[in-house]
C-alpha atoms as a PDB file:
ATOM      1  CA  MET A   1      -0.309 -33.012 -29.105  1.00  0.00           C
ATOM      2  CA  ARG A   2      -2.258 -32.222 -26.431  1.00  0.00           C
ATOM      3  CA  LYS A   3      -1.600 -28.651 -27.248  1.00  0.00           C
ATOM      4  CA  VAL A   4      -2.675 -28.932 -31.029  1.00  0.00           C
ATOM      5  CA  LYS A   5      -5.971 -30.872 -30.414  1.00  0.00           C
ATOM      6  CA  ASN A   6      -6.296 -27.832 -27.253  1.00  0.00           C
ATOM      7  CA  LEU A   7      -6.540 -29.663 -24.254  1.00  0.00           C
ATOM      8  CA  SER A   8      -5.574 -29.118 -20.813  1.00  0.00           C
ATOM      9  CA  GLN A   9      -3.679 -31.367 -18.950  1.00  0.00           C
ATOM     10  CA  LYS A  10      -6.483 -31.715 -16.682  1.00  0.00           C
ATOM     11  CA  GLU A  11      -8.921 -32.841 -19.282  1.00  0.00           C
ATOM     12  CA  VAL A  12      -6.398 -35.611 -20.510  1.00  0.00           C
ATOM     13  CA  ALA A  13      -6.057 -36.828 -17.367  1.00  0.00           C
ATOM     14  CA  LEU A  14      -9.500 -37.101 -16.370  1.00  0.00           C
ATOM     15  CA  SER A  15     -10.432 -38.698 -19.507  1.00  0.00           C
ATOM     16  CA  ILE A  16      -7.501 -41.456 -18.567  1.00  0.00           C
ATOM     17  CA  ASP A  17      -8.552 -41.768 -15.646  1.00  0.00           C
ATOM     18  CA  ILE A  18      -5.563 -40.471 -13.612  1.00  0.00           C
ATOM     19  CA  ALA A  19      -4.710 -37.207 -11.726  1.00  0.00           C
ATOM     20  CA  GLN A  20      -3.867 -34.274 -13.566  1.00  0.00           C
ATOM     21  CA  ALA A  21      -0.269 -34.042 -11.575  1.00  0.00           C
ATOM     22  CA  GLN A  22       0.523 -37.967 -12.930  1.00  0.00           C
ATOM     23  CA  TYR A  23      -0.271 -36.811 -15.605  1.00  0.00           C
ATOM     24  CA  SER A  24       2.219 -33.610 -16.166  1.00  0.00           C
ATOM     25  CA  VAL A  25       4.930 -35.699 -14.676  1.00  0.00           C
ATOM     26  CA  LEU A  26       4.124 -38.505 -17.832  1.00  0.00           C
ATOM     27  CA  GLU A  27       4.040 -34.969 -20.033  1.00  0.00           C
ATOM     28  CA  SER A  28       7.641 -34.267 -19.234  1.00  0.00           C
ATOM     29  CA  GLY A  29       9.024 -38.307 -19.573  1.00  0.00           C
ATOM     30  CA  LYS A  30      10.070 -37.705 -16.080  1.00  0.00           C
ATOM     31  CA  VAL A  31       7.527 -41.759 -15.384  1.00  0.00           C
ATOM     32  CA  VAL A  32       7.288 -43.594 -17.890  1.00  0.00           C
ATOM     33  CA  PRO A  33       3.850 -44.628 -18.812  1.00  0.00           C
ATOM     34  CA  THR A  34       2.539 -48.264 -18.753  1.00  0.00           C
ATOM     35  CA  LEU A  35       0.756 -49.697 -21.802  1.00  0.00           C
ATOM     36  CA  PRO A  36      -2.130 -49.655 -20.780  1.00  0.00           C
ATOM     37  CA  THR A  37      -2.209 -46.235 -20.484  1.00  0.00           C
ATOM     38  CA  LEU A  38      -0.094 -45.046 -23.457  1.00  0.00           C
ATOM     39  CA  GLU A  39      -3.468 -46.859 -25.083  1.00  0.00           C
ATOM     40  CA  LYS A  40      -5.611 -44.901 -23.395  1.00  0.00           C
ATOM     41  CA  ILE A  41      -3.655 -41.295 -24.205  1.00  0.00           C
ATOM     42  CA  ALA A  42      -3.252 -42.838 -27.972  1.00  0.00           C
ATOM     43  CA  LYS A  43      -7.446 -43.067 -27.997  1.00  0.00           C
ATOM     44  CA  VAL A  44      -7.690 -39.614 -26.476  1.00  0.00           C
ATOM     45  CA  PHE A  45      -5.803 -38.298 -29.600  1.00  0.00           C
ATOM     46  CA  GLU A  46      -6.754 -40.586 -31.576  1.00  0.00           C
ATOM     47  CA  VAL A  47      -3.380 -41.633 -33.067  1.00  0.00           C
ATOM     48  CA  ASP A  48      -1.102 -44.715 -32.782  1.00  0.00           C
ATOM     49  CA  ILE A  49       1.061 -45.126 -29.749  1.00  0.00           C
ATOM     50  CA  SER A  50       3.688 -45.401 -32.138  1.00  0.00           C
ATOM     51  CA  GLN A  51       2.799 -41.357 -32.838  1.00  0.00           C
ATOM     52  CA  LEU A  52       3.528 -41.383 -29.346  1.00  0.00           C
ATOM     53  CA  VAL A  53       6.519 -42.706 -28.888  1.00  0.00           C
ATOM     54  CA  ARG A  54       8.390 -41.430 -31.817  1.00  0.00           C
ATOM     55  CA  LYS A  55      10.542 -39.072 -32.280  1.00  0.00           C
ATOM     56  CA  SER A  56       9.090 -36.121 -34.068  1.00  0.00           C
ATOM     57  CA  ASN A  57      11.235 -33.188 -35.983  1.00  0.00           C
ATOM     58  CA  VAL A  58       7.750 -31.770 -36.520  1.00  0.00           C
ATOM     59  CA  SER A  59       6.910 -28.450 -34.646  1.00  0.00           C
ATOM     60  CA  ASP A  60       3.106 -27.580 -33.589  1.00  0.00           C
ATOM     61  CA  GLU A  61       2.974 -25.361 -36.036  1.00  0.00           C
ATOM     62  CA  ASP A  62       4.069 -27.298 -39.071  1.00  0.00           C
ATOM     63  CA  ILE A  63       0.743 -29.370 -38.839  1.00  0.00           C
ATOM     64  CA  ASN A  64      -1.935 -28.805 -36.756  1.00  0.00           C
ATOM     65  CA  ILE A  65      -4.060 -31.839 -35.644  1.00  0.00           C
ATOM     66  CA  SER A  66      -7.802 -30.310 -35.480  1.00  0.00           C
ATOM     67  CA  ILE A  67      -7.814 -28.108 -38.525  1.00  0.00           C
ATOM     68  CA  LEU A  68      -6.511 -31.356 -40.483  1.00  0.00           C
ATOM     69  CA  GLU A  69      -9.617 -33.160 -39.255  1.00  0.00           C
ATOM     70  CA  LYS A  70     -11.664 -30.481 -39.854  1.00  0.00           C
ATOM     71  CA  VAL A  71     -10.001 -30.180 -43.342  1.00  0.00           C
ATOM     72  CA  LYS A  72     -11.431 -33.893 -43.911  1.00  0.00           C
ATOM     73  CA  LEU A  73     -14.801 -33.403 -42.207  1.00  0.00           C
ATOM     74  CA  ILE A  74     -14.988 -30.264 -45.277  1.00  0.00           C
ATOM     75  CA  ASP A  75     -15.829 -32.950 -47.462  1.00  0.00           C
ATOM     76  CA  THR A  76     -18.487 -34.816 -46.495  1.00  0.00           C
ATOM     77  CA  LEU A  77     -20.250 -31.321 -46.374  1.00  0.00           C
ATOM     78  CA  ASP A  78     -23.421 -30.634 -48.731  1.00  0.00           C
ATOM     79  CA  ASN A  79     -22.399 -28.254 -51.873  1.00  0.00           C
ATOM     80  CA  ASP A  80     -23.521 -24.847 -50.688  1.00  0.00           C
ATOM     81  CA  GLU A  81     -22.128 -25.415 -47.108  1.00  0.00           C
ATOM     82  CA  LYS A  82     -19.000 -26.670 -48.472  1.00  0.00           C
ATOM     83  CA  GLY A  83     -19.146 -23.217 -50.574  1.00  0.00           C
ATOM     84  CA  CYS A  84     -20.306 -20.934 -48.269  1.00  0.00           C
ATOM     85  CA  LEU A  85     -17.705 -22.218 -46.237  1.00  0.00           C
ATOM     86  CA  LEU A  86     -15.084 -22.207 -49.106  1.00  0.00           C
ATOM     87  CA  LYS A  87     -15.793 -18.479 -49.744  1.00  0.00           C
ATOM     88  CA  MET A  88     -15.406 -17.272 -45.600  1.00  0.00           C
ATOM     89  CA  ILE A  89     -11.927 -19.094 -45.901  1.00  0.00           C
ATOM     90  CA  ASP A  90     -11.375 -16.769 -49.241  1.00  0.00           C
ATOM     91  CA  ILE A  91     -12.511 -13.841 -47.597  1.00  0.00           C
ATOM     92  CA  ALA A  92      -9.881 -14.408 -44.502  1.00  0.00           C
ATOM     93  CA  ILE A  93      -7.267 -15.015 -46.065  1.00  0.00           C
ATOM     94  CA  SER A  94      -7.877 -11.775 -48.390  1.00  0.00           C
ATOM     95  CA  LYS A  95      -7.876  -9.855 -45.707  1.00  0.00           C
ATOM     96  CA  LYS A  96      -5.038 -11.352 -43.772  1.00  0.00           C
ATOM     97  CA  LYS A  97      -3.029 -10.602 -47.120  1.00  0.00           C
ATOM     98  CA  MET A  98      -4.430  -7.254 -46.896  1.00  0.00           C
ATOM     99  CA  LYS A  99      -3.180  -6.932 -43.305  1.00  0.00           C
ATOM    100  CA  ASP A 100       0.272  -7.722 -44.413  1.00  0.00           C
ATOM    101  CA  ASN A 101       0.555  -5.529 -47.430  1.00  0.00           C
ATOM    102  CA  LEU A 102      -0.207  -2.474 -45.349  1.00  0.00           C
ATOM    103  CA  ALA A 103       2.006  -3.768 -42.385  1.00  0.00           C
ATOM    104  CA  THR A 104       4.689  -3.649 -45.170  1.00  0.00           C
ATOM    105  CA  LEU A 105       3.726  -0.227 -46.754  1.00  0.00           C
ATOM    106  CA  MET A 106       4.047   1.370 -43.004  1.00  0.00           C
ATOM    107  CA  GLN A 107       7.235   0.021 -42.596  1.00  0.00           C
ATOM    108  CA  GLY A 108       8.822   1.297 -45.789  1.00  0.00           C
END
């Protein structure tokens, strides 16, 4: 979750008021955090504690929380802003498809 949120260990450690080395040990699973520490970490990541402690088969690539949060916020924009943003997304996607097609043609 930390990587998906694009946070460093130091940033998380500062947010929960512990040393970076101590956070690193928690994140690696070498030490079990206390309930108050879990609550602080969950607050930083904006998730329930249950999401921190459950095992998941979903990789970082499958779900990018920051992108999901941004998509939710798009709906709060006025129609002109939303239209401009969607046009930029369409352009970026078209550019990616064109690059992929050119790469395929170059290989074949």
